[in-house]
PDB file of N, CA and C in Angstrom:
ATOM      1  N   MET A   1     114.003  90.824 119.674  1.00  0.00           N
ATOM      2  CA  MET A   1     112.657  91.540 120.479  1.00  0.00           C
ATOM      3  C   MET A   1     111.690  90.551 120.953  1.00  0.00           C
ATOM      4  N   GLN A   2     111.819  89.422 120.345  1.00  0.00           N
ATOM      5  CA  GLN A   2     111.052  88.432 121.100  1.00  0.00           C
ATOM      6  C   GLN A   2     111.730  87.942 122.365  1.00  0.00           C
ATOM      7  N   GLU A   3     112.382  88.336 122.650  1.00  0.00           N
ATOM      8  CA  GLU A   3     113.409  87.501 124.188  1.00  0.00           C
ATOM      9  C   GLU A   3     112.786  88.328 125.162  1.00  0.00           C
ATOM     10  N   LEU A   4     112.637  89.928 124.973  1.00  0.00           N
ATOM     11  CA  LEU A   4     112.140  90.917 125.415  1.00  0.00           C
ATOM     12  C   LEU A   4     110.986  90.995 125.674  1.00  0.00           C
ATOM     13  N   GLY A   5     110.220  89.899 125.176  1.00  0.00           N
ATOM     14  CA  GLY A   5     108.653  90.164 125.170  1.00  0.00           C
ATOM     15  C   GLY A   5     108.065  90.895 124.208  1.00  0.00           C
ATOM     16  N   ALA A   6     107.932  90.876 122.564  1.00  0.00           N
ATOM     17  CA  ALA A   6     107.412  91.446 122.048  1.00  0.00           C
ATOM     18  C   ALA A   6     106.078  90.653 121.417  1.00  0.00           C
ATOM     19  N   ALA A   7     105.458  90.812 121.597  1.00  0.00           N
ATOM     20  CA  ALA A   7     104.003  90.361 120.859  1.00  0.00           C
ATOM     21  C   ALA A   7     103.985  90.021 119.372  1.00  0.00           C
ATOM     22  N   GLU A   8     104.215  90.603 118.820  1.00  0.00           N
ATOM     23  CA  GLU A   8     104.291  90.371 117.301  1.00  0.00           C
ATOM     24  C   GLU A   8     105.369  91.666 117.061  1.00  0.00           C
ATOM     25  N   ILE A   9     105.674  91.531 115.569  1.00  0.00           N
ATOM     26  CA  ILE A   9     106.769  92.040 114.610  1.00  0.00           C
ATOM     27  C   ILE A   9     105.993  92.926 113.271  1.00  0.00           C
ATOM     28  N   ILE A  10     106.134  93.766 112.988  1.00  0.00           N
ATOM     29  CA  ILE A  10     106.011  94.497 112.113  1.00  0.00           C
ATOM     30  C   ILE A  10     107.359  94.824 111.032  1.00  0.00           C
ATOM     31  N   TYR A  11     107.571  93.561 110.078  1.00  0.00           N
ATOM     32  CA  TYR A  11     108.545  93.535 109.083  1.00  0.00           C
ATOM     33  C   TYR A  11     107.870  94.658 108.031  1.00  0.00           C
ATOM     34  N   THR A  12     108.888  95.392 108.363  1.00  0.00           N
ATOM     35  CA  THR A  12     109.051  96.746 106.946  1.00  0.00           C
ATOM     36  C   THR A  12     109.955  96.360 106.039  1.00  0.00           C
ATOM     37  N   ASP A  13     109.930  96.168 104.557  1.00  0.00           N
ATOM     38  CA  ASP A  13     111.333  96.393 103.773  1.00  0.00           C
ATOM     39  C   ASP A  13     110.495  97.642 103.239  1.00  0.00           C
ATOM     40  N   ILE A  14     111.887  98.913 103.885  1.00  0.00           N
ATOM     41  CA  ILE A  14     111.998 100.274 103.547  1.00  0.00           C
ATOM     42  C   ILE A  14     112.445 100.013 101.790  1.00  0.00           C
ATOM     43  N   HIS A  15     113.229  99.230 101.603  1.00  0.00           N
ATOM     44  CA  HIS A  15     113.060  99.022  99.923  1.00  0.00           C
ATOM     45  C   HIS A  15     111.773  99.135  99.297  1.00  0.00           C
ATOM     46  N   ARG A  16     111.211  98.986  99.291  1.00  0.00           N
ATOM     47  CA  ARG A  16     109.889  98.614  98.814  1.00  0.00           C
ATOM     48  C   ARG A  16     108.711  99.067  98.969  1.00  0.00           C
ATOM     49  N   ASP A  17     109.020  99.477 100.024  1.00  0.00           N
ATOM     50  CA  ASP A  17     107.892 100.840 100.747  1.00  0.00           C
ATOM     51  C   ASP A  17     107.768 101.261 100.051  1.00  0.00           C
ATOM     52  N   GLY A  18     106.561 102.063 100.003  1.00  0.00           N
ATOM     53  CA  GLY A  18     105.640 103.142  98.683  1.00  0.00           C
ATOM     54  C   GLY A  18     105.850 102.729  97.329  1.00  0.00           C
ATOM     55  N   THR A  19     106.665 101.432  96.744  1.00  0.00           N
ATOM     56  CA  THR A  19     107.170 101.661  95.685  1.00  0.00           C
ATOM     57  C   THR A  19     105.874 100.900  95.081  1.00  0.00           C
ATOM     58  N   LEU A  20     105.184  99.760  95.234  1.00  0.00           N
ATOM     59  CA  LEU A  20     103.755  98.940  94.542  1.00  0.00           C
ATOM     60  C   LEU A  20     104.717  98.118  94.071  1.00  0.00           C
ATOM     61  N   SER A  21     106.089  97.553  94.568  1.00  0.00           N
ATOM     62  CA  SER A  21     106.969  96.501  93.827  1.00  0.00           C
ATOM     63  C   SER A  21     106.318  94.794  94.012  1.00  0.00           C
ATOM     64  N   GLY A  22     105.602  94.927  95.064  1.00  0.00           N
ATOM     65  CA  GLY A  22     105.264  93.616  95.603  1.00  0.00           C
ATOM     66  C   GLY A  22     105.663  93.267  96.729  1.00  0.00           C
ATOM     67  N   PRO A  23     105.550  92.507  97.989  1.00  0.00           N
ATOM     68  CA  PRO A  23     105.957  92.446  99.302  1.00  0.00           C
ATOM     69  C   PRO A  23     107.932  91.440  98.957  1.00  0.00           C
ATOM     70  N   ASN A  24     108.437  91.616 100.033  1.00  0.00           N
ATOM     71  CA  ASN A  24     109.333  91.117 100.248  1.00  0.00           C
ATOM     72  C   ASN A  24     109.402  89.443 100.807  1.00  0.00           C
ATOM     73  N   LEU A  25     108.765  88.395 100.003  1.00  0.00           N
ATOM     74  CA  LEU A  25     108.136  87.054 100.213  1.00  0.00           C
ATOM     75  C   LEU A  25     109.359  86.179 100.927  1.00  0.00           C
ATOM     76  N   ASP A  26     110.763  86.349 100.162  1.00  0.00           N
ATOM     77  CA  ASP A  26     112.057  85.635 100.722  1.00  0.00           C
ATOM     78  C   ASP A  26     112.306  85.991 102.256  1.00  0.00           C
ATOM     79  N   ALA A  27     112.074  87.478 102.442  1.00  0.00           N
ATOM     80  CA  ALA A  27     112.499  88.026 104.201  1.00  0.00           C
ATOM     81  C   ALA A  27     111.854  87.436 104.625  1.00  0.00           C
ATOM     82  N   LEU A  28     110.124  87.245 104.428  1.00  0.00           N
ATOM     83  CA  LEU A  28     109.522  87.316 105.336  1.00  0.00           C
ATOM     84  C   LEU A  28     109.351  85.850 105.335  1.00  0.00           C
ATOM     85  N   ARG A  29     110.056  85.074 104.484  1.00  0.00           N
ATOM     86  CA  ARG A  29     109.878  83.333 105.197  1.00  0.00           C
ATOM     87  C   ARG A  29     111.189  83.043 106.182  1.00  0.00           C
ATOM     88  N   GLU A  30     112.337  84.105 105.582  1.00  0.00           N
ATOM     89  CA  GLU A  30     113.579  83.866 106.678  1.00  0.00           C
ATOM     90  C   GLU A  30     113.499  84.535 108.132  1.00  0.00           C
ATOM     91  N   LEU A  31     112.641  85.332 108.014  1.00  0.00           N
ATOM     92  CA  LEU A  31     112.401  85.391 109.528  1.00  0.00           C
ATOM     93  C   LEU A  31     111.155  84.523 110.390  1.00  0.00           C
ATOM     94  N   ALA A  32     110.066  84.203 109.415  1.00  0.00           N
ATOM     95  CA  ALA A  32     109.213  83.252 110.010  1.00  0.00           C
ATOM     96  C   ALA A  32     110.297  82.418 110.334  1.00  0.00           C
ATOM     97  N   ALA A  33     111.117  81.577 109.758  1.00  0.00           N
ATOM     98  CA  ALA A  33     111.518  80.347 110.087  1.00  0.00           C
ATOM     99  C   ALA A  33     112.683  80.721 111.588  1.00  0.00           C
ATOM    100  N   VAL A  34     112.600  81.769 111.907  1.00  0.00           N
ATOM    101  CA  VAL A  34     113.853  82.375 113.311  1.00  0.00           C
ATOM    102  C   VAL A  34     113.176  82.672 114.402  1.00  0.00           C
ATOM    103  N   VAL A  35     111.809  82.943 113.968  1.00  0.00           N
ATOM    104  CA  VAL A  35     110.919  84.080 115.305  1.00  0.00           C
ATOM    105  C   VAL A  35     109.528  82.798 115.735  1.00  0.00           C
ATOM    106  N   ASP A  36     108.668  83.011 116.649  1.00  0.00           N
ATOM    107  CA  ASP A  36     107.932  82.203 117.491  1.00  0.00           C
ATOM    108  C   ASP A  36     106.337  82.965 117.677  1.00  0.00           C
ATOM    109  N   ILE A  37     107.225  84.526 117.107  1.00  0.00           N
ATOM    110  CA  ILE A  37     105.814  85.853 117.479  1.00  0.00           C
ATOM    111  C   ILE A  37     105.060  85.922 115.589  1.00  0.00           C
ATOM    112  N   PRO A  38     103.727  86.241 115.917  1.00  0.00           N
ATOM    113  CA  PRO A  38     103.056  86.525 114.721  1.00  0.00           C
ATOM    114  C   PRO A  38     103.818  87.779 114.095  1.00  0.00           C
ATOM    115  N   ILE A  39     104.328  87.798 112.595  1.00  0.00           N
ATOM    116  CA  ILE A  39     104.805  88.750 111.881  1.00  0.00           C
ATOM    117  C   ILE A  39     104.018  89.565 111.218  1.00  0.00           C
ATOM    118  N   ILE A  40     103.774  91.031 110.355  1.00  0.00           N
ATOM    119  CA  ILE A  40     102.819  91.274 109.903  1.00  0.00           C
ATOM    120  C   ILE A  40     103.461  92.052 109.022  1.00  0.00           C
ATOM    121  N   ALA A  41     103.369  92.267 107.411  1.00  0.00           N
ATOM    122  CA  ALA A  41     104.310  92.298 106.396  1.00  0.00           C
ATOM    123  C   ALA A  41     103.619  93.510 106.198  1.00  0.00           C
ATOM    124  N   SER A  42     104.594  94.852 105.682  1.00  0.00           N
ATOM    125  CA  SER A  42     104.708  96.028 105.497  1.00  0.00           C
ATOM    126  C   SER A  42     105.342  96.281 104.153  1.00  0.00           C
ATOM    127  N   GLY A  43     105.134  97.187 103.305  1.00  0.00           N
ATOM    128  CA  GLY A  43     105.935  97.275 102.335  1.00  0.00           C
ATOM    129  C   GLY A  43     105.942  96.615 101.091  1.00  0.00           C
ATOM    130  N   GLY A  44     105.377  97.488  99.925  1.00  0.00           N
ATOM    131  CA  GLY A  44     105.681  96.955  98.466  1.00  0.00           C
ATOM    132  C   GLY A  44     104.010  96.573  98.265  1.00  0.00           C
ATOM    133  N   VAL A  45     103.401  96.402  98.666  1.00  0.00           N
ATOM    134  CA  VAL A  45     101.737  95.777  98.525  1.00  0.00           C
ATOM    135  C   VAL A  45     101.126  96.329  97.453  1.00  0.00           C
ATOM    136  N   SER A  46     100.779  96.082  96.214  1.00  0.00           N
ATOM    137  CA  SER A  46     100.267  96.762  95.166  1.00  0.00           C
ATOM    138  C   SER A  46      99.083  95.893  94.380  1.00  0.00           C
ATOM    139  N   SER A  47      98.667  94.572  95.267  1.00  0.00           N
ATOM    140  CA  SER A  47      97.811  94.388  94.218  1.00  0.00           C
ATOM    141  C   SER A  47      97.257  92.973  95.112  1.00  0.00           C
ATOM    142  N   VAL A  48      95.825  92.626  94.813  1.00  0.00           N
ATOM    143  CA  VAL A  48      94.989  91.638  95.898  1.00  0.00           C
ATOM    144  C   VAL A  48      96.125  90.156  95.599  1.00  0.00           C
ATOM    145  N   THR A  49      96.908  90.225  94.253  1.00  0.00           N
ATOM    146  CA  THR A  49      97.565  88.710  94.445  1.00  0.00           C
ATOM    147  C   THR A  49      98.474  88.493  95.015  1.00  0.00           C
ATOM    148  N   ASP A  50      99.137  90.422  95.506  1.00  0.00           N
ATOM    149  CA  ASP A  50     100.013  90.023  96.700  1.00  0.00           C
ATOM    150  C   ASP A  50      99.452  89.754  98.450  1.00  0.00           C
ATOM    151  N   LEU A  51      97.883  89.915  98.573  1.00  0.00           N
ATOM    152  CA  LEU A  51      97.655  90.323  99.565  1.00  0.00           C
ATOM    153  C   LEU A  51      97.531  88.302  99.899  1.00  0.00           C
ATOM    154  N   LEU A  52      96.946  87.860  98.475  1.00  0.00           N
ATOM    155  CA  LEU A  52      97.311  86.616  98.818  1.00  0.00           C
ATOM    156  C   LEU A  52      98.022  85.331  98.474  1.00  0.00           C
ATOM    157  N   SER A  53      99.496  85.805  98.290  1.00  0.00           N
ATOM    158  CA  SER A  53     100.560  85.554  98.423  1.00  0.00           C
ATOM    159  C   SER A  53     100.724  85.467  99.857  1.00  0.00           C
ATOM    160  N   LEU A  54     100.678  86.687 100.414  1.00  0.00           N
ATOM    161  CA  LEU A  54     100.890  86.891 102.157  1.00  0.00           C
ATOM    162  C   LEU A  54     100.277  86.168 102.629  1.00  0.00           C
ATOM    163  N   LEU A  55      99.032  85.626 102.255  1.00  0.00           N
ATOM    164  CA  LEU A  55      98.207  84.807 103.418  1.00  0.00           C
ATOM    165  C   LEU A  55      98.437  83.640 102.869  1.00  0.00           C
ATOM    166  N   ALA A  56      98.989  83.465 101.875  1.00  0.00           N
ATOM    167  CA  ALA A  56      99.493  81.639 101.604  1.00  0.00           C
ATOM    168  C   ALA A  56     100.361  81.652 102.869  1.00  0.00           C
ATOM    169  N   LEU A  57     101.393  82.777 103.271  1.00  0.00           N
ATOM    170  CA  LEU A  57     102.475  81.820 104.207  1.00  0.00           C
ATOM    171  C   LEU A  57     102.154  82.458 105.726  1.00  0.00           C
ATOM    172  N   GLU A  58     100.511  82.743 106.093  1.00  0.00           N
ATOM    173  CA  GLU A  58     100.089  82.583 107.183  1.00  0.00           C
ATOM    174  C   GLU A  58     100.569  81.236 108.166  1.00  0.00           C
ATOM    175  N   PRO A  59     100.571  79.938 107.400  1.00  0.00           N
ATOM    176  CA  PRO A  59     101.123  79.073 108.405  1.00  0.00           C
ATOM    177  C   PRO A  59     102.399  79.093 109.073  1.00  0.00           C
ATOM    178  N   GLN A  60     103.285  80.039 108.229  1.00  0.00           N
ATOM    179  CA  GLN A  60     104.559  80.414 108.902  1.00  0.00           C
ATOM    180  C   GLN A  60     104.418  81.517 109.911  1.00  0.00           C
ATOM    181  N   GLY A  61     103.707  82.201 109.839  1.00  0.00           N
ATOM    182  CA  GLY A  61     103.425  83.118 110.952  1.00  0.00           C
ATOM    183  C   GLY A  61     103.269  84.750 110.295  1.00  0.00           C
ATOM    184  N   VAL A  62     103.020  84.433 109.186  1.00  0.00           N
ATOM    185  CA  VAL A  62     102.652  86.219 108.866  1.00  0.00           C
ATOM    186  C   VAL A  62     101.435  86.273 108.896  1.00  0.00           C
ATOM    187  N   THR A  63     101.288  86.715 110.080  1.00  0.00           N
ATOM    188  CA  THR A  63      99.959  87.272 109.948  1.00  0.00           C
ATOM    189  C   THR A  63      99.061  88.289 109.759  1.00  0.00           C
ATOM    190  N   GLY A  64      99.312  89.008 109.062  1.00  0.00           N
ATOM    191  CA  GLY A  64      98.451  90.489 108.412  1.00  0.00           C
ATOM    192  C   GLY A  64      99.386  91.026 107.492  1.00  0.00           C
ATOM    193  N   ALA A  65      99.038  92.218 107.159  1.00  0.00           N
ATOM    194  CA  ALA A  65      99.272  92.958 106.200  1.00  0.00           C
ATOM    195  C   ALA A  65      99.291  94.012 106.344  1.00  0.00           C
ATOM    196  N   ILE A  66     100.037  95.192 105.773  1.00  0.00           N
ATOM    197  CA  ILE A  66      99.987  96.759 105.509  1.00  0.00           C
ATOM    198  C   ILE A  66      99.688  97.082 104.583  1.00  0.00           C
ATOM    199  N   VAL A  67      98.259  97.992 103.859  1.00  0.00           N
ATOM    200  CA  VAL A  67      98.607  98.354 103.033  1.00  0.00           C
ATOM    201  C   VAL A  67      98.164  99.687 102.762  1.00  0.00           C
ATOM    202  N   GLY A  68      98.999 100.044 102.292  1.00  0.00           N
ATOM    203  CA  GLY A  68      99.155 102.031 102.157  1.00  0.00           C
ATOM    204  C   GLY A  68      98.954 102.508 100.924  1.00  0.00           C
ATOM    205  N   ARG A  69      99.820 102.855 100.054  1.00  0.00           N
ATOM    206  CA  ARG A  69      99.867 103.125  98.844  1.00  0.00           C
ATOM    207  C   ARG A  69      99.000 102.774  97.734  1.00  0.00           C
ATOM    208  N   ALA A  70      98.812 101.308  97.333  1.00  0.00           N
ATOM    209  CA  ALA A  70      97.846 100.680  97.011  1.00  0.00           C
ATOM    210  C   ALA A  70      96.655 100.701  97.516  1.00  0.00           C
ATOM    211  N   LEU A  71      95.662 101.226  98.209  1.00  0.00           N
ATOM    212  CA  LEU A  71      94.724 101.890  98.591  1.00  0.00           C
ATOM    213  C   LEU A  71      94.839 103.425  98.001  1.00  0.00           C
ATOM    214  N   TYR A  72      95.794 104.333  98.269  1.00  0.00           N
ATOM    215  CA  TYR A  72      95.339 105.154  98.097  1.00  0.00           C
ATOM    216  C   TYR A  72      95.637 106.112  96.288  1.00  0.00           C
ATOM    217  N   THR A  73      96.465 105.169  95.623  1.00  0.00           N
ATOM    218  CA  THR A  73      96.676 105.156  94.196  1.00  0.00           C
ATOM    219  C   THR A  73      95.453 104.484  93.669  1.00  0.00           C
ATOM    220  N   GLU A  74      94.074 103.664  94.511  1.00  0.00           N
ATOM    221  CA  GLU A  74      93.225 102.710  94.059  1.00  0.00           C
ATOM    222  C   GLU A  74      93.732 101.547  93.314  1.00  0.00           C
ATOM    223  N   ASP A  75      95.031 101.293  93.418  1.00  0.00           N
ATOM    224  CA  ASP A  75      95.474  99.942  92.421  1.00  0.00           C
ATOM    225  C   ASP A  75      94.584  98.581  93.800  1.00  0.00           C
ATOM    226  N   ILE A  76      94.569  98.701  94.700  1.00  0.00           N
ATOM    227  CA  ILE A  76      93.564  97.795  95.569  1.00  0.00           C
ATOM    228  C   ILE A  76      92.174  98.501  95.921  1.00  0.00           C
ATOM    229  N   SER A  77      91.301  97.896  96.040  1.00  0.00           N
ATOM    230  CA  SER A  77      90.270  98.598  96.791  1.00  0.00           C
ATOM    231  C   SER A  77      89.935  98.266  98.177  1.00  0.00           C
ATOM    232  N   LEU A  78      89.339  98.535  99.547  1.00  0.00           N
ATOM    233  CA  LEU A  78      89.290  97.736 100.470  1.00  0.00           C
ATOM    234  C   LEU A  78      88.240  96.864 100.447  1.00  0.00           C
ATOM    235  N   ARG A  79      87.059  96.384  99.353  1.00  0.00           N
ATOM    236  CA  ARG A  79      86.299  96.099  99.347  1.00  0.00           C
ATOM    237  C   ARG A  79      86.686  94.782  98.152  1.00  0.00           C
ATOM    238  N   GLU A  80      88.010  94.501  97.314  1.00  0.00           N
ATOM    239  CA  GLU A  80      88.501  93.609  96.684  1.00  0.00           C
ATOM    240  C   GLU A  80      89.233  93.145  97.935  1.00  0.00           C
ATOM    241  N   ALA A  81      89.877  93.823  98.883  1.00  0.00           N
ATOM    242  CA  ALA A  81      90.902  93.228  99.616  1.00  0.00           C
ATOM    243  C   ALA A  81      90.031  92.441 100.467  1.00  0.00           C
ATOM    244  N   VAL A  82      89.078  92.465 100.825  1.00  0.00           N
ATOM    245  CA  VAL A  82      88.099  91.684 101.805  1.00  0.00           C
ATOM    246  C   VAL A  82      87.673  90.717 100.965  1.00  0.00           C
ATOM    247  N   ARG A  83      87.347  90.851  99.999  1.00  0.00           N
ATOM    248  CA  ARG A  83      87.303  89.687  99.476  1.00  0.00           C
ATOM    249  C   ARG A  83      87.685  88.651  98.974  1.00  0.00           C
ATOM    250  N   ALA A  84      88.940  89.432  98.256  1.00  0.00           N
ATOM    251  CA  ALA A  84      89.961  88.333  98.320  1.00  0.00           C
ATOM    252  C   ALA A  84      90.219  87.462  99.540  1.00  0.00           C
ATOM    253  N   VAL A  85      90.866  87.845 100.556  1.00  0.00           N
ATOM    254  CA  VAL A  85      91.085  87.143 101.818  1.00  0.00           C
ATOM    255  C   VAL A  85      90.109  86.163 103.001  1.00  0.00           C
ATOM    256  N   GLY A  86      88.936  86.722 102.380  1.00  0.00           N
ATOM    257  CA  GLY A  86      87.802  86.120 103.043  1.00  0.00           C
ATOM    258  C   GLY A  86      87.238  87.219 104.324  1.00  0.00           C
ATOM    259  N   SER A  87      85.972  87.406 103.959  1.00  0.00           N
ATOM    260  CA  SER A  87      85.406  89.001 105.120  1.00  0.00           C
ATOM    261  C   SER A  87      85.679  88.114 106.571  1.00  0.00           C
ATOM    262  N   GLY A  88      85.198  87.065 106.442  1.00  0.00           N
ATOM    263  CA  GLY A  88      85.423  86.280 108.032  1.00  0.00           C
ATOM    264  C   GLY A  88      86.687  86.329 108.474  1.00  0.00           C
ATOM    265  N   ARG A  89      87.835  86.519 107.971  1.00  0.00           N
ATOM    266  CA  ARG A  89      89.442  86.858 108.087  1.00  0.00           C
ATOM    267  C   ARG A  89      89.791  87.494 108.608  1.00  0.00           C
ATOM    268  N   ILE A  90      89.206  89.159 108.551  1.00  0.00           N
ATOM    269  CA  ILE A  90      89.516  90.131 108.806  1.00  0.00           C
ATOM    270  C   ILE A  90      89.524  90.540 110.329  1.00  0.00           C
ATOM    271  N   GLN A  91      90.512  90.770 110.583  1.00  0.00           N
ATOM    272  CA  GLN A  91      89.754  91.121 112.772  1.00  0.00           C
ATOM    273  C   GLN A  91      90.172  92.549 112.433  1.00  0.00           C
ATOM    274  N   ASP A  92      90.088  93.521 112.164  1.00  0.00           N
ATOM    275  CA  ASP A  92      90.391  94.788 111.914  1.00  0.00           C
ATOM    276  C   ASP A  92      90.637  95.580 110.849  1.00  0.00           C
ATOM    277  N   ILE A  93      89.484  96.527 110.594  1.00  0.00           N
ATOM    278  CA  ILE A  93      90.298  97.799 109.074  1.00  0.00           C
ATOM    279  C   ILE A  93      90.009  98.898 109.822  1.00  0.00           C
ATOM    280  N   PRO A  94      90.990  99.565 110.469  1.00  0.00           N
ATOM    281  CA  PRO A  94      90.754 100.671 110.478  1.00  0.00           C
ATOM    282  C   PRO A  94      90.984 101.608 109.447  1.00  0.00           C
ATOM    283  N   PRO A  95      90.892 102.944 109.727  1.00  0.00           N
ATOM    284  CA  PRO A  95      90.593 103.932 108.638  1.00  0.00           C
ATOM    285  C   PRO A  95      91.817 103.940 107.588  1.00  0.00           C
ATOM    286  N   HIS A  96      93.257 103.568 108.013  1.00  0.00           N
ATOM    287  CA  HIS A  96      94.196 104.004 107.554  1.00  0.00           C
ATOM    288  C   HIS A  96      94.668 102.971 106.208  1.00  0.00           C
ATOM    289  N   GLY A  97      93.672 101.231 106.812  1.00  0.00           N
ATOM    290  CA  GLY A  97      94.582 100.557 105.804  1.00  0.00           C
ATOM    291  C   GLY A  97      95.127  99.255 106.214  1.00  0.00           C
ATOM    292  N   PHE A  98      95.215  99.273 107.623  1.00  0.00           N
ATOM    293  CA  PHE A  98      95.741  98.457 108.052  1.00  0.00           C
ATOM    294  C   PHE A  98      94.984  97.258 108.688  1.00  0.00           C
ATOM    295  N   SER A  99      95.287  96.003 108.505  1.00  0.00           N
ATOM    296  CA  SER A  99      94.318  94.966 108.381  1.00  0.00           C
ATOM    297  C   SER A  99      95.023  93.515 108.907  1.00  0.00           C
ATOM    298  N   THR A 100      94.774  92.813 110.017  1.00  0.00           N
ATOM    299  CA  THR A 100      95.167  91.489 109.853  1.00  0.00           C
ATOM    300  C   THR A 100      94.315  90.442 109.661  1.00  0.00           C
ATOM    301  N   PHE A 101      94.924  89.024 109.198  1.00  0.00           N
ATOM    302  CA  PHE A 101      93.932  87.599 108.704  1.00  0.00           C
ATOM    303  C   PHE A 101      94.157  87.456 110.316  1.00  0.00           C
ATOM    304  N   ALA A 102      92.377  87.118 110.573  1.00  0.00           N
ATOM    305  CA  ALA A 102      91.968  86.308 111.854  1.00  0.00           C
ATOM    306  C   ALA A 102      92.714  84.953 111.812  1.00  0.00           C
TER     307      ALA A 102
END
């Protein structure tokens, strides 16, 4: 898709999506190693710690995260998430819980 002009990739680990079992960091690292476009992580995010783990992958190309169920179950509050990754780093926070690191 990168060769066809995709501007970024949303990588959803469907085996983790909705499970609150943590993102697939290994798969994200592998994908980041072979593409040059930004990657948005999705699937399994369950805590602020998960968001910080994803933020650590930013230099490799993981530039954002989708947080869904963890917001609905209140395992993560939006306020905690913004505080954890730094309010100046959030580009956009639509009501459905999607955010990207700036």
